[in-house]
Amino acid sequence: QGKLVESLNTFKEALNLFIELNDIYGE
């Protein structure tokens, strides 16, 4: 949708959860 800053923040939130879960593929 072109909402790049919001997208980046959301990706980072997801990434932190994947790291916390030790989900290497998700990461």
PDB file of all heavy atoms in Angstrom:
ATOM      1  N   GLN A   1       0.819  -1.217   0.000  1.00  0.00           N
ATOM      2  CA  GLN A   1       0.000   0.000   0.000  1.00  0.00           C
ATOM      3  C   GLN A   1       0.854   1.270   0.000  1.00  0.00           C
ATOM      4  O   GLN A   1       0.330   2.381   0.009  1.00  0.00           O
ATOM      5  CB  GLN A   1      -0.912   0.020   1.229  1.00  0.00           C
ATOM      6  CG  GLN A   1      -1.956  -1.062   1.243  1.00  0.00           C
ATOM      7  CD  GLN A   1      -2.710  -1.128   2.559  1.00  0.00           C
ATOM      8  OE1 GLN A   1      -2.564  -0.271   3.427  1.00  0.00           O
ATOM      9  NE2 GLN A   1      -3.530  -2.154   2.711  1.00  0.00           N
ATOM     10  N   GLY A   2       2.176   1.093   0.034  1.00  0.00           N
ATOM     11  CA  GLY A   2       3.079   2.238   0.025  1.00  0.00           C
ATOM     12  C   GLY A   2       3.304   2.852   1.398  1.00  0.00           C
ATOM     13  O   GLY A   2       3.918   3.908   1.507  1.00  0.00           O
ATOM     14  N   LYS A   3       2.831   2.188   2.437  1.00  0.00           N
ATOM     15  CA  LYS A   3       3.014   2.674   3.810  1.00  0.00           C
ATOM     16  C   LYS A   3       4.309   2.079   4.353  1.00  0.00           C
ATOM     17  O   LYS A   3       4.319   1.201   5.208  1.00  0.00           O
ATOM     18  CB  LYS A   3       1.816   2.280   4.666  1.00  0.00           C
ATOM     19  CG  LYS A   3       0.509   2.874   4.160  1.00  0.00           C
ATOM     20  CD  LYS A   3      -0.673   2.395   4.968  1.00  0.00           C
ATOM     21  CE  LYS A   3      -1.970   2.976   4.427  1.00  0.00           C
ATOM     22  NZ  LYS A   3      -3.138   2.477   5.162  1.00  0.00           N
ATOM     23  N   LEU A   4       5.422   2.597   3.837  1.00  0.00           N
ATOM     24  CA  LEU A   4       6.713   1.954   4.057  1.00  0.00           C
ATOM     25  C   LEU A   4       7.228   2.079   5.479  1.00  0.00           C
ATOM     26  O   LEU A   4       7.820   1.129   6.010  1.00  0.00           O
ATOM     27  CB  LEU A   4       7.722   2.489   3.044  1.00  0.00           C
ATOM     28  CG  LEU A   4       7.321   2.298   1.569  1.00  0.00           C
ATOM     29  CD1 LEU A   4       8.420   2.813   0.651  1.00  0.00           C
ATOM     30  CD2 LEU A   4       6.985   0.853   1.264  1.00  0.00           C
ATOM     31  N   VAL A   5       7.041   3.211   6.119  1.00  0.00           N
ATOM     32  CA  VAL A   5       7.518   3.368   7.496  1.00  0.00           C
ATOM     33  C   VAL A   5       6.724   2.461   8.428  1.00  0.00           C
ATOM     34  O   VAL A   5       7.301   1.762   9.279  1.00  0.00           O
ATOM     35  CB  VAL A   5       7.436   4.846   7.945  1.00  0.00           C
ATOM     36  CG1 VAL A   5       7.766   4.981   9.417  1.00  0.00           C
ATOM     37  CG2 VAL A   5       8.379   5.707   7.113  1.00  0.00           C
ATOM     38  N   GLU A   6       5.405   2.422   8.253  1.00  0.00           N
ATOM     39  CA  GLU A   6       4.574   1.533   9.063  1.00  0.00           C
ATOM     40  C   GLU A   6       4.952   0.078   8.811  1.00  0.00           C
ATOM     41  O   GLU A   6       5.003  -0.733   9.745  1.00  0.00           O
ATOM     42  CB  GLU A   6       3.090   1.731   8.737  1.00  0.00           C
ATOM     43  CG  GLU A   6       2.507   3.030   9.229  1.00  0.00           C
ATOM     44  CD  GLU A   6       1.063   3.186   8.764  1.00  0.00           C
ATOM     45  OE1 GLU A   6       0.244   2.308   9.085  1.00  0.00           O
ATOM     46  OE2 GLU A   6       0.779   4.184   8.080  1.00  0.00           O
ATOM     47  N   SER A   7       5.216  -0.243   7.556  1.00  0.00           N
ATOM     48  CA  SER A   7       5.611  -1.598   7.199  1.00  0.00           C
ATOM     49  C   SER A   7       6.913  -1.984   7.894  1.00  0.00           C
ATOM     50  O   SER A   7       7.021  -3.069   8.464  1.00  0.00           O
ATOM     51  CB  SER A   7       5.771  -1.711   5.685  1.00  0.00           C
ATOM     52  OG  SER A   7       6.229  -2.995   5.328  1.00  0.00           O
ATOM     53  N   LEU A   8       7.892  -1.100   7.853  1.00  0.00           N
ATOM     54  CA  LEU A   8       9.186  -1.384   8.480  1.00  0.00           C
ATOM     55  C   LEU A   8       9.021  -1.624   9.977  1.00  0.00           C
ATOM     56  O   LEU A   8       9.581  -2.583  10.524  1.00  0.00           O
ATOM     57  CB  LEU A   8      10.168  -0.242   8.225  1.00  0.00           C
ATOM     58  CG  LEU A   8      11.571  -0.434   8.771  1.00  0.00           C
ATOM     59  CD1 LEU A   8      12.229  -1.688   8.204  1.00  0.00           C
ATOM     60  CD2 LEU A   8      12.413   0.795   8.464  1.00  0.00           C
ATOM     61  N   ASN A   9       8.236  -0.791  10.635  1.00  0.00           N
ATOM     62  CA  ASN A   9       8.006  -0.971  12.072  1.00  0.00           C
ATOM     63  C   ASN A   9       7.311  -2.294  12.364  1.00  0.00           C
ATOM     64  O   ASN A   9       7.629  -2.977  13.340  1.00  0.00           O
ATOM     65  CB  ASN A   9       7.190   0.193  12.630  1.00  0.00           C
ATOM     66  CG  ASN A   9       7.979   1.482  12.653  1.00  0.00           C
ATOM     67  OD1 ASN A   9       9.203   1.487  12.730  1.00  0.00           O
ATOM     68  ND2 ASN A   9       7.282   2.599  12.563  1.00  0.00           N
ATOM     69  N   THR A  10       6.384  -2.677  11.509  1.00  0.00           N
ATOM     70  CA  THR A  10       5.662  -3.933  11.697  1.00  0.00           C
ATOM     71  C   THR A  10       6.578  -5.118  11.442  1.00  0.00           C
ATOM     72  O   THR A  10       6.542  -6.115  12.176  1.00  0.00           O
ATOM     73  CB  THR A  10       4.421  -3.967  10.783  1.00  0.00           C
ATOM     74  OG1 THR A  10       3.626  -2.794  11.032  1.00  0.00           O
ATOM     75  CG2 THR A  10       3.576  -5.193  11.050  1.00  0.00           C
ATOM     76  N   PHE A  11       7.412  -5.039  10.399  1.00  0.00           N
ATOM     77  CA  PHE A  11       8.397  -6.095  10.149  1.00  0.00           C
ATOM     78  C   PHE A  11       9.307  -6.270  11.370  1.00  0.00           C
ATOM     79  O   PHE A  11       9.601  -7.396  11.780  1.00  0.00           O
ATOM     80  CB  PHE A  11       9.271  -5.773   8.931  1.00  0.00           C
ATOM     81  CG  PHE A  11       8.745  -6.269   7.620  1.00  0.00           C
ATOM     82  CD1 PHE A  11       8.624  -5.407   6.544  1.00  0.00           C
ATOM     83  CD2 PHE A  11       8.400  -7.601   7.434  1.00  0.00           C
ATOM     84  CE1 PHE A  11       8.167  -5.851   5.314  1.00  0.00           C
ATOM     85  CE2 PHE A  11       7.933  -8.064   6.209  1.00  0.00           C
ATOM     86  CZ  PHE A  11       7.818  -7.182   5.148  1.00  0.00           C
ATOM     87  N   LYS A  12       9.758  -5.167  11.936  1.00  0.00           N
ATOM     88  CA  LYS A  12      10.670  -5.246  13.087  1.00  0.00           C
ATOM     89  C   LYS A  12       9.984  -5.884  14.293  1.00  0.00           C
ATOM     90  O   LYS A  12      10.602  -6.653  15.026  1.00  0.00           O
ATOM     91  CB  LYS A  12      11.219  -3.862  13.433  1.00  0.00           C
ATOM     92  CG  LYS A  12      12.232  -3.374  12.412  1.00  0.00           C
ATOM     93  CD  LYS A  12      12.785  -2.020  12.767  1.00  0.00           C
ATOM     94  CE  LYS A  12      13.830  -1.567  11.757  1.00  0.00           C
ATOM     95  NZ  LYS A  12      14.404  -0.265  12.088  1.00  0.00           N
ATOM     96  N   GLU A  13       8.708  -5.583  14.498  1.00  0.00           N
ATOM     97  CA  GLU A  13       7.960  -6.201  15.593  1.00  0.00           C
ATOM     98  C   GLU A  13       7.836  -7.714  15.358  1.00  0.00           C
ATOM     99  O   GLU A  13       8.044  -8.513  16.277  1.00  0.00           O
ATOM    100  CB  GLU A  13       6.577  -5.556  15.696  1.00  0.00           C
ATOM    101  CG  GLU A  13       5.808  -5.970  16.920  1.00  0.00           C
ATOM    102  CD  GLU A  13       4.466  -5.257  17.053  1.00  0.00           C
ATOM    103  OE1 GLU A  13       4.193  -4.287  16.316  1.00  0.00           O
ATOM    104  OE2 GLU A  13       3.687  -5.696  17.916  1.00  0.00           O
ATOM    105  N   ALA A  14       7.529  -8.098  14.129  1.00  0.00           N
ATOM    106  CA  ALA A  14       7.447  -9.523  13.796  1.00  0.00           C
ATOM    107  C   ALA A  14       8.800 -10.197  13.972  1.00  0.00           C
ATOM    108  O   ALA A  14       8.890 -11.294  14.535  1.00  0.00           O
ATOM    109  CB  ALA A  14       6.957  -9.694  12.362  1.00  0.00           C
ATOM    110  N   LEU A  15       9.854  -9.540  13.511  1.00  0.00           N
ATOM    111  CA  LEU A  15      11.199 -10.097  13.615  1.00  0.00           C
ATOM    112  C   LEU A  15      11.577 -10.361  15.068  1.00  0.00           C
ATOM    113  O   LEU A  15      12.126 -11.426  15.390  1.00  0.00           O
ATOM    114  CB  LEU A  15      12.209  -9.156  12.954  1.00  0.00           C
ATOM    115  CG  LEU A  15      13.659  -9.617  12.931  1.00  0.00           C
ATOM    116  CD1 LEU A  15      13.800 -10.940  12.189  1.00  0.00           C
ATOM    117  CD2 LEU A  15      14.527  -8.542  12.284  1.00  0.00           C
ATOM    118  N   ASN A  16      11.268  -9.426  15.943  1.00  0.00           N
ATOM    119  CA  ASN A  16      11.569  -9.629  17.368  1.00  0.00           C
ATOM    120  C   ASN A  16      10.853 -10.847  17.921  1.00  0.00           C
ATOM    121  O   ASN A  16      11.421 -11.606  18.721  1.00  0.00           O
ATOM    122  CB  ASN A  16      11.212  -8.383  18.176  1.00  0.00           C
ATOM    123  CG  ASN A  16      12.189  -7.252  17.953  1.00  0.00           C
ATOM    124  OD1 ASN A  16      13.346  -7.478  17.623  1.00  0.00           O
ATOM    125  ND2 ASN A  16      11.725  -6.031  18.112  1.00  0.00           N
ATOM    126  N   LEU A  17       9.615 -11.058  17.502  1.00  0.00           N
ATOM    127  CA  LEU A  17       8.874 -12.238  17.962  1.00  0.00           C
ATOM    128  C   LEU A  17       9.487 -13.523  17.402  1.00  0.00           C
ATOM    129  O   LEU A  17       9.625 -14.512  18.124  1.00  0.00           O
ATOM    130  CB  LEU A  17       7.402 -12.136  17.575  1.00  0.00           C
ATOM    131  CG  LEU A  17       6.563 -11.169  18.389  1.00  0.00           C
ATOM    132  CD1 LEU A  17       5.166 -11.046  17.799  1.00  0.00           C
ATOM    133  CD2 LEU A  17       6.478 -11.608  19.836  1.00  0.00           C
ATOM    134  N   PHE A  18       9.848 -13.522  16.115  1.00  0.00           N
ATOM    135  CA  PHE A  18      10.476 -14.713  15.535  1.00  0.00           C
ATOM    136  C   PHE A  18      11.772 -15.049  16.257  1.00  0.00           C
ATOM    137  O   PHE A  18      12.060 -16.220  16.529  1.00  0.00           O
ATOM    138  CB  PHE A  18      10.734 -14.522  14.039  1.00  0.00           C
ATOM    139  CG  PHE A  18       9.513 -14.641  13.179  1.00  0.00           C
ATOM    140  CD1 PHE A  18       9.178 -13.629  12.292  1.00  0.00           C
ATOM    141  CD2 PHE A  18       8.695 -15.759  13.242  1.00  0.00           C
ATOM    142  CE1 PHE A  18       8.059 -13.732  11.486  1.00  0.00           C
ATOM    143  CE2 PHE A  18       7.565 -15.876  12.443  1.00  0.00           C
ATOM    144  CZ  PHE A  18       7.247 -14.860  11.559  1.00  0.00           C
ATOM    145  N   ILE A  19      12.557 -14.036  16.598  1.00  0.00           N
ATOM    146  CA  ILE A  19      13.804 -14.258  17.333  1.00  0.00           C
ATOM    147  C   ILE A  19      13.505 -14.835  18.711  1.00  0.00           C
ATOM    148  O   ILE A  19      14.136 -15.806  19.142  1.00  0.00           O
ATOM    149  CB  ILE A  19      14.620 -12.950  17.439  1.00  0.00           C
ATOM    150  CG1 ILE A  19      15.142 -12.554  16.054  1.00  0.00           C
ATOM    151  CG2 ILE A  19      15.752 -13.080  18.442  1.00  0.00           C
ATOM    152  CD1 ILE A  19      15.722 -11.145  15.982  1.00  0.00           C
ATOM    153  N   GLU A  20      12.530 -14.256  19.387  1.00  0.00           N
ATOM    154  CA  GLU A  20      12.129 -14.731  20.709  1.00  0.00           C
ATOM    155  C   GLU A  20      11.667 -16.192  20.655  1.00  0.00           C
ATOM    156  O   GLU A  20      11.938 -16.972  21.572  1.00  0.00           O
ATOM    157  CB  GLU A  20      10.985 -13.838  21.200  1.00  0.00           C
ATOM    158  CG  GLU A  20      10.711 -13.893  22.673  1.00  0.00           C
ATOM    159  CD  GLU A  20       9.635 -12.890  23.058  1.00  0.00           C
ATOM    160  OE1 GLU A  20       9.784 -11.680  22.742  1.00  0.00           O
ATOM    161  OE2 GLU A  20       8.639 -13.327  23.656  1.00  0.00           O
ATOM    162  N   LEU A  21      10.991 -16.555  19.568  1.00  0.00           N
ATOM    163  CA  LEU A  21      10.478 -17.920  19.409  1.00  0.00           C
ATOM    164  C   LEU A  21      11.536 -18.888  18.887  1.00  0.00           C
ATOM    165  O   LEU A  21      11.285 -20.083  18.791  1.00  0.00           O
ATOM    166  CB  LEU A  21       9.299 -17.906  18.435  1.00  0.00           C
ATOM    167  CG  LEU A  21       8.034 -17.225  18.911  1.00  0.00           C
ATOM    168  CD1 LEU A  21       7.103 -16.934  17.746  1.00  0.00           C
ATOM    169  CD2 LEU A  21       7.347 -18.092  19.958  1.00  0.00           C
ATOM    170  N   ASN A  22      12.696 -18.361  18.534  1.00  0.00           N
ATOM    171  CA  ASN A  22      13.760 -19.147  17.907  1.00  0.00           C
ATOM    172  C   ASN A  22      13.250 -19.826  16.631  1.00  0.00           C
ATOM    173  O   ASN A  22      13.587 -20.967  16.339  1.00  0.00           O
ATOM    174  CB  ASN A  22      14.350 -20.176  18.878  1.00  0.00           C
ATOM    175  CG  ASN A  22      15.703 -20.676  18.417  1.00  0.00           C
ATOM    176  OD1 ASN A  22      16.451 -19.947  17.762  1.00  0.00           O
ATOM    177  ND2 ASN A  22      16.008 -21.925  18.731  1.00  0.00           N
ATOM    178  N   ASP A  23      12.423 -19.102  15.886  1.00  0.00           N
ATOM    179  CA  ASP A  23      11.868 -19.567  14.616  1.00  0.00           C
ATOM    180  C   ASP A  23      12.775 -19.050  13.504  1.00  0.00           C
ATOM    181  O   ASP A  23      12.603 -17.934  13.008  1.00  0.00           O
ATOM    182  CB  ASP A  23      10.432 -19.054  14.457  1.00  0.00           C
ATOM    183  CG  ASP A  23       9.766 -19.514  13.173  1.00  0.00           C
ATOM    184  OD1 ASP A  23      10.471 -19.933  12.230  1.00  0.00           O
ATOM    185  OD2 ASP A  23       8.523 -19.426  13.110  1.00  0.00           O
ATOM    186  N   ILE A  24      13.749 -19.863  13.128  1.00  0.00           N
ATOM    187  CA  ILE A  24      14.768 -19.432  12.174  1.00  0.00           C
ATOM    188  C   ILE A  24      14.167 -19.199  10.790  1.00  0.00           C
ATOM    189  O   ILE A  24      14.506 -18.225  10.114  1.00  0.00           O
ATOM    190  CB  ILE A  24      15.923 -20.452  12.116  1.00  0.00           C
ATOM    191  CG1 ILE A  24      16.598 -20.524  13.488  1.00  0.00           C
ATOM    192  CG2 ILE A  24      16.939 -20.081  11.046  1.00  0.00           C
ATOM    193  CD1 ILE A  24      17.576 -21.665  13.640  1.00  0.00           C
ATOM    194  N   TYR A  25      13.257 -20.066  10.375  1.00  0.00           N
ATOM    195  CA  TYR A  25      12.626 -19.892   9.062  1.00  0.00           C
ATOM    196  C   TYR A  25      11.785 -18.607   9.044  1.00  0.00           C
ATOM    197  O   TYR A  25      11.851 -17.833   8.099  1.00  0.00           O
ATOM    198  CB  TYR A  25      11.759 -21.104   8.709  1.00  0.00           C
ATOM    199  CG  TYR A  25      11.097 -20.964   7.371  1.00  0.00           C
ATOM    200  CD1 TYR A  25      11.831 -21.128   6.200  1.00  0.00           C
ATOM    201  CD2 TYR A  25       9.743 -20.665   7.267  1.00  0.00           C
ATOM    202  CE1 TYR A  25      11.232 -20.985   4.962  1.00  0.00           C
ATOM    203  CE2 TYR A  25       9.136 -20.521   6.034  1.00  0.00           C
ATOM    204  CZ  TYR A  25       9.885 -20.689   4.885  1.00  0.00           C
ATOM    205  OH  TYR A  25       9.288 -20.548   3.664  1.00  0.00           O
ATOM    206  N   GLY A  26      10.990 -18.382  10.085  1.00  0.00           N
ATOM    207  CA  GLY A  26      10.199 -17.163  10.178  1.00  0.00           C
ATOM    208  C   GLY A  26      11.082 -15.927  10.166  1.00  0.00           C
ATOM    209  O   GLY A  26      10.769 -14.913   9.535  1.00  0.00           O
ATOM    210  N   GLU A  27      12.192 -16.041  10.869  1.00  0.00           N
ATOM    211  CA  GLU A  27      13.163 -14.940  10.906  1.00  0.00           C
ATOM    212  C   GLU A  27      13.700 -14.657   9.499  1.00  0.00           C
ATOM    213  O   GLU A  27      13.806 -13.493   9.083  1.00  0.00           O
ATOM    214  CB  GLU A  27      14.308 -15.340  11.840  1.00  0.00           C
ATOM    215  CG  GLU A  27      15.083 -14.222  12.421  1.00  0.00           C
ATOM    216  CD  GLU A  27      16.147 -14.704  13.404  1.00  0.00           C
ATOM    217  OE1 GLU A  27      15.973 -15.739  14.078  1.00  0.00           O
ATOM    218  OE2 GLU A  27      17.163 -14.006  13.476  1.00  0.00           O
TER     219      GLU A  27
END
